Amino acid sequence: MSKKLKYFIIIISLLSIFFSVYVMYKDQKVFDSLGGIVVGLSLLAALYFDNYKKKK
């Protein structure tokens, strides 16, 4: 995976988490914004485990 793609995935995941937290703060609907947080965290976890697998 190229560095540009990794940075793009990091930016997308952080924006997803940020806007989900913003929606929770603004509308206070936790269940509606939970999907964005899960997607963002899963993208970050996939990158982490990809890097961990390459180091071994």
PDB file of N, CA and C in Angstrom:
ATOM      1  N   MET A   1       0.848  -1.166   0.000  1.00  0.00           N
ATOM      2  CA  MET A   1       0.000   0.000   0.000  1.00  0.00           C
ATOM      3  C   MET A   1       0.902   1.240   0.000  1.00  0.00           C
ATOM      4  N   SER A   2       0.619   2.167  -0.884  1.00  0.00           N
ATOM      5  CA  SER A   2       1.453   3.361  -0.995  1.00  0.00           C
ATOM      6  C   SER A   2       1.185   4.323   0.166  1.00  0.00           C
ATOM      7  N   LYS A   3       2.135   5.217   0.373  1.00  0.00           N
ATOM      8  CA  LYS A   3       2.000   6.178   1.470  1.00  0.00           C
ATOM      9  C   LYS A   3       0.845   7.147   1.233  1.00  0.00           C
ATOM     10  N   LYS A   4       0.635   7.530  -0.024  1.00  0.00           N
ATOM     11  CA  LYS A   4      -0.463   8.445  -0.327  1.00  0.00           C
ATOM     12  C   LYS A   4      -1.804   7.823   0.019  1.00  0.00           C
ATOM     13  N   LEU A   5      -1.951   6.535  -0.286  1.00  0.00           N
ATOM     14  CA  LEU A   5      -3.190   5.840   0.036  1.00  0.00           C
ATOM     15  C   LEU A   5      -3.374   5.714   1.542  1.00  0.00           C
ATOM     16  N   LYS A   6      -2.298   5.451   2.266  1.00  0.00           N
ATOM     17  CA  LYS A   6      -2.372   5.366   3.730  1.00  0.00           C
ATOM     18  C   LYS A   6      -2.791   6.707   4.330  1.00  0.00           C
ATOM     19  N   TYR A   7      -2.207   7.779   3.845  1.00  0.00           N
ATOM     20  CA  TYR A   7      -2.568   9.103   4.355  1.00  0.00           C
ATOM     21  C   TYR A   7      -4.013   9.453   4.019  1.00  0.00           C
ATOM     22  N   PHE A   8      -4.463   9.056   2.829  1.00  0.00           N
ATOM     23  CA  PHE A   8      -5.845   9.303   2.431  1.00  0.00           C
ATOM     24  C   PHE A   8      -6.813   8.550   3.347  1.00  0.00           C
ATOM     25  N   ILE A   9      -6.492   7.295   3.652  1.00  0.00           N
ATOM     26  CA  ILE A   9      -7.338   6.501   4.537  1.00  0.00           C
ATOM     27  C   ILE A   9      -7.352   7.085   5.947  1.00  0.00           C
ATOM     28  N   ILE A  10      -6.217   7.557   6.413  1.00  0.00           N
ATOM     29  CA  ILE A  10      -6.151   8.179   7.743  1.00  0.00           C
ATOM     30  C   ILE A  10      -7.006   9.439   7.781  1.00  0.00           C
ATOM     31  N   ILE A  11      -6.925  10.257   6.748  1.00  0.00           N
ATOM     32  CA  ILE A  11      -7.713  11.490   6.706  1.00  0.00           C
ATOM     33  C   ILE A  11      -9.204  11.180   6.666  1.00  0.00           C
ATOM     34  N   ILE A  12      -9.605  10.208   5.837  1.00  0.00           N
ATOM     35  CA  ILE A  12     -11.020   9.828   5.742  1.00  0.00           C
ATOM     36  C   ILE A  12     -11.526   9.294   7.080  1.00  0.00           C
ATOM     37  N   SER A  13     -10.737   8.464   7.742  1.00  0.00           N
ATOM     38  CA  SER A  13     -11.182   7.892   9.013  1.00  0.00           C
ATOM     39  C   SER A  13     -11.265   8.952  10.108  1.00  0.00           C
ATOM     40  N   LEU A  14     -10.311   9.854  10.162  1.00  0.00           N
ATOM     41  CA  LEU A  14     -10.364  10.910  11.173  1.00  0.00           C
ATOM     42  C   LEU A  14     -11.523  11.873  10.930  1.00  0.00           C
ATOM     43  N   LEU A  15     -11.788  12.178   9.658  1.00  0.00           N
ATOM     44  CA  LEU A  15     -12.935  13.028   9.350  1.00  0.00           C
ATOM     45  C   LEU A  15     -14.251  12.336   9.715  1.00  0.00           C
ATOM     46  N   SER A  16     -14.320  11.045   9.478  1.00  0.00           N
ATOM     47  CA  SER A  16     -15.519  10.297   9.831  1.00  0.00           C
ATOM     48  C   SER A  16     -15.759  10.334  11.337  1.00  0.00           C
ATOM     49  N   ILE A  17     -14.708  10.129  12.108  1.00  0.00           N
ATOM     50  CA  ILE A  17     -14.833  10.171  13.566  1.00  0.00           C
ATOM     51  C   ILE A  17     -15.185  11.578  14.030  1.00  0.00           C
ATOM     52  N   PHE A  18     -14.512  12.580  13.468  1.00  0.00           N
ATOM     53  CA  PHE A  18     -14.743  13.962  13.876  1.00  0.00           C
ATOM     54  C   PHE A  18     -16.185  14.392  13.608  1.00  0.00           C
ATOM     55  N   PHE A  19     -16.683  14.119  12.400  1.00  0.00           N
ATOM     56  CA  PHE A  19     -18.043  14.543  12.075  1.00  0.00           C
ATOM     57  C   PHE A  19     -19.089  13.748  12.843  1.00  0.00           C
ATOM     58  N   SER A  20     -18.790  12.517  13.169  1.00  0.00           N
ATOM     59  CA  SER A  20     -19.718  11.729  13.987  1.00  0.00           C
ATOM     60  C   SER A  20     -19.810  12.287  15.402  1.00  0.00           C
ATOM     61  N   VAL A  21     -18.673  12.661  15.951  1.00  0.00           N
ATOM     62  CA  VAL A  21     -18.673  13.269  17.286  1.00  0.00           C
ATOM     63  C   VAL A  21     -19.362  14.625  17.238  1.00  0.00           C
ATOM     64  N   TYR A  22     -19.161  15.360  16.147  1.00  0.00           N
ATOM     65  CA  TYR A  22     -19.827  16.652  15.989  1.00  0.00           C
ATOM     66  C   TYR A  22     -21.347  16.491  15.938  1.00  0.00           C
ATOM     67  N   VAL A  23     -21.817  15.472  15.211  1.00  0.00           N
ATOM     68  CA  VAL A  23     -23.260  15.224  15.134  1.00  0.00           C
ATOM     69  C   VAL A  23     -23.800  14.816  16.500  1.00  0.00           C
ATOM     70  N   MET A  24     -23.039  14.022  17.236  1.00  0.00           N
ATOM     71  CA  MET A  24     -23.468  13.651  18.588  1.00  0.00           C
ATOM     72  C   MET A  24     -23.580  14.883  19.475  1.00  0.00           C
ATOM     73  N   TYR A  25     -22.620  15.781  19.334  1.00  0.00           N
ATOM     74  CA  TYR A  25     -22.619  16.997  20.143  1.00  0.00           C
ATOM     75  C   TYR A  25     -23.767  17.916  19.733  1.00  0.00           C
ATOM     76  N   LYS A  26     -24.005  18.019  18.434  1.00  0.00           N
ATOM     77  CA  LYS A  26     -25.013  18.942  17.931  1.00  0.00           C
ATOM     78  C   LYS A  26     -26.437  18.416  18.150  1.00  0.00           C
ATOM     79  N   ASP A  27     -26.687  17.179  17.738  1.00  0.00           N
ATOM     80  CA  ASP A  27     -28.045  16.638  17.813  1.00  0.00           C
ATOM     81  C   ASP A  27     -28.264  15.710  19.005  1.00  0.00           C
ATOM     82  N   GLN A  28     -27.188  15.254  19.595  1.00  0.00           N
ATOM     83  CA  GLN A  28     -27.220  14.340  20.739  1.00  0.00           C
ATOM     84  C   GLN A  28     -27.936  13.032  20.397  1.00  0.00           C
ATOM     85  N   LYS A  29     -27.738  12.533  19.197  1.00  0.00           N
ATOM     86  CA  LYS A  29     -28.253  11.229  18.794  1.00  0.00           C
ATOM     87  C   LYS A  29     -27.064  10.285  18.652  1.00  0.00           C
ATOM     88  N   VAL A  30     -26.807   9.533  19.676  1.00  0.00           N
ATOM     89  CA  VAL A  30     -25.625   8.689  19.705  1.00  0.00           C
ATOM     90  C   VAL A  30     -25.743   7.555  18.683  1.00  0.00           C
ATOM     91  N   PHE A  31     -26.918   6.950  18.596  1.00  0.00           N
ATOM     92  CA  PHE A  31     -27.081   5.793  17.721  1.00  0.00           C
ATOM     93  C   PHE A  31     -26.901   6.143  16.242  1.00  0.00           C
ATOM     94  N   ASP A  32     -27.313   7.330  15.835  1.00  0.00           N
ATOM     95  CA  ASP A  32     -27.185   7.737  14.438  1.00  0.00           C
ATOM     96  C   ASP A  32     -25.728   7.971  14.040  1.00  0.00           C
ATOM     97  N   SER A  33     -24.929   8.457  14.934  1.00  0.00           N
ATOM     98  CA  SER A  33     -23.547   8.758  14.595  1.00  0.00           C
ATOM     99  C   SER A  33     -22.588   7.634  14.966  1.00  0.00           C
ATOM    100  N   LEU A  34     -23.086   6.572  15.517  1.00  0.00           N
ATOM    101  CA  LEU A  34     -22.230   5.457  15.909  1.00  0.00           C
ATOM    102  C   LEU A  34     -21.606   4.780  14.696  1.00  0.00           C
ATOM    103  N   GLY A  35     -22.307   4.739  13.582  1.00  0.00           N
ATOM    104  CA  GLY A  35     -21.779   4.119  12.363  1.00  0.00           C
ATOM    105  C   GLY A  35     -20.524   4.801  11.852  1.00  0.00           C
ATOM    106  N   GLY A  36     -20.499   6.123  11.886  1.00  0.00           N
ATOM    107  CA  GLY A  36     -19.319   6.859  11.441  1.00  0.00           C
ATOM    108  C   GLY A  36     -18.111   6.614  12.316  1.00  0.00           C
ATOM    109  N   ILE A  37     -18.345   6.487  13.613  1.00  0.00           N
ATOM    110  CA  ILE A  37     -17.246   6.206  14.529  1.00  0.00           C
ATOM    111  C   ILE A  37     -16.707   4.799  14.291  1.00  0.00           C
ATOM    112  N   VAL A  38     -17.602   3.854  14.087  1.00  0.00           N
ATOM    113  CA  VAL A  38     -17.183   2.468  13.842  1.00  0.00           C
ATOM    114  C   VAL A  38     -16.396   2.363  12.537  1.00  0.00           C
ATOM    115  N   VAL A  39     -16.858   3.049  11.499  1.00  0.00           N
ATOM    116  CA  VAL A  39     -16.155   3.023  10.211  1.00  0.00           C
ATOM    117  C   VAL A  39     -14.763   3.644  10.353  1.00  0.00           C
ATOM    118  N   GLY A  40     -14.671   4.782  11.022  1.00  0.00           N
ATOM    119  CA  GLY A  40     -13.382   5.437  11.209  1.00  0.00           C
ATOM    120  C   GLY A  40     -12.417   4.594  12.005  1.00  0.00           C
ATOM    121  N   LEU A  41     -12.894   4.003  13.085  1.00  0.00           N
ATOM    122  CA  LEU A  41     -12.019   3.168  13.909  1.00  0.00           C
ATOM    123  C   LEU A  41     -11.606   1.891  13.189  1.00  0.00           C
ATOM    124  N   SER A  42     -12.494   1.337  12.403  1.00  0.00           N
ATOM    125  CA  SER A  42     -12.134   0.113  11.681  1.00  0.00           C
ATOM    126  C   SER A  42     -11.106   0.394  10.581  1.00  0.00           C
ATOM    127  N   LEU A  43     -11.202   1.546   9.934  1.00  0.00           N
ATOM    128  CA  LEU A  43     -10.186   1.905   8.944  1.00  0.00           C
ATOM    129  C   LEU A  43      -8.823   2.101   9.601  1.00  0.00           C
ATOM    130  N   LEU A  44      -8.798   2.767  10.746  1.00  0.00           N
ATOM    131  CA  LEU A  44      -7.531   2.950  11.454  1.00  0.00           C
ATOM    132  C   LEU A  44      -6.973   1.617  11.949  1.00  0.00           C
ATOM    133  N   ALA A  45      -7.835   0.738  12.405  1.00  0.00           N
ATOM    134  CA  ALA A  45      -7.382  -0.579  12.869  1.00  0.00           C
ATOM    135  C   ALA A  45      -6.838  -1.404  11.708  1.00  0.00           C
ATOM    136  N   ALA A  46      -7.467  -1.300  10.538  1.00  0.00           N
ATOM    137  CA  ALA A  46      -6.970  -2.039   9.373  1.00  0.00           C
ATOM    138  C   ALA A  46      -5.577  -1.559   8.983  1.00  0.00           C
ATOM    139  N   LEU A  47      -5.344  -0.265   9.031  1.00  0.00           N
ATOM    140  CA  LEU A  47      -4.003   0.248   8.738  1.00  0.00           C
ATOM    141  C   LEU A  47      -2.993  -0.196   9.784  1.00  0.00           C
ATOM    142  N   TYR A  48      -3.396  -0.195  11.036  1.00  0.00           N
ATOM    143  CA  TYR A  48      -2.501  -0.610  12.105  1.00  0.00           C
ATOM    144  C   TYR A  48      -2.094  -2.071  11.941  1.00  0.00           C
ATOM    145  N   PHE A  49      -3.076  -2.935  11.688  1.00  0.00           N
ATOM    146  CA  PHE A  49      -2.753  -4.354  11.553  1.00  0.00           C
ATOM    147  C   PHE A  49      -1.999  -4.642  10.262  1.00  0.00           C
ATOM    148  N   ASP A  50      -2.195  -3.845   9.223  1.00  0.00           N
ATOM    149  CA  ASP A  50      -1.431  -3.996   8.007  1.00  0.00           C
ATOM    150  C   ASP A  50       0.042  -3.665   8.263  1.00  0.00           C
ATOM    151  N   ASN A  51       0.292  -2.587   8.991  1.00  0.00           N
ATOM    152  CA  ASN A  51       1.671  -2.231   9.330  1.00  0.00           C
ATOM    153  C   ASN A  51       2.280  -3.244  10.282  1.00  0.00           C
ATOM    154  N   TYR A  52       1.509  -3.764  11.195  1.00  0.00           N
ATOM    155  CA  TYR A  52       2.008  -4.748  12.156  1.00  0.00           C
ATOM    156  C   TYR A  52       2.390  -6.042  11.427  1.00  0.00           C
ATOM    157  N   LYS A  53       1.589  -6.438  10.436  1.00  0.00           N
ATOM    158  CA  LYS A  53       1.863  -7.650   9.679  1.00  0.00           C
ATOM    159  C   LYS A  53       3.131  -7.496   8.829  1.00  0.00           C
ATOM    160  N   LYS A  54       3.356  -6.291   8.301  1.00  0.00           N
ATOM    161  CA  LYS A  54       4.544  -6.058   7.474  1.00  0.00           C
ATOM    162  C   LYS A  54       5.818  -6.072   8.303  1.00  0.00           C
ATOM    163  N   LYS A  55       5.735  -5.695   9.573  1.00  0.00           N
ATOM    164  CA  LYS A  55       6.921  -5.655  10.427  1.00  0.00           C
ATOM    165  C   LYS A  55       7.388  -7.050  10.820  1.00  0.00           C
ATOM    166  N   LYS A  56       6.483  -8.003  10.858  1.00  0.00           N
ATOM    167  CA  LYS A  56       6.864  -9.369  11.241  1.00  0.00           C
ATOM    168  C   LYS A  56       7.513 -10.112  10.141  1.00  0.00           C
TER     169      LYS A  56
END
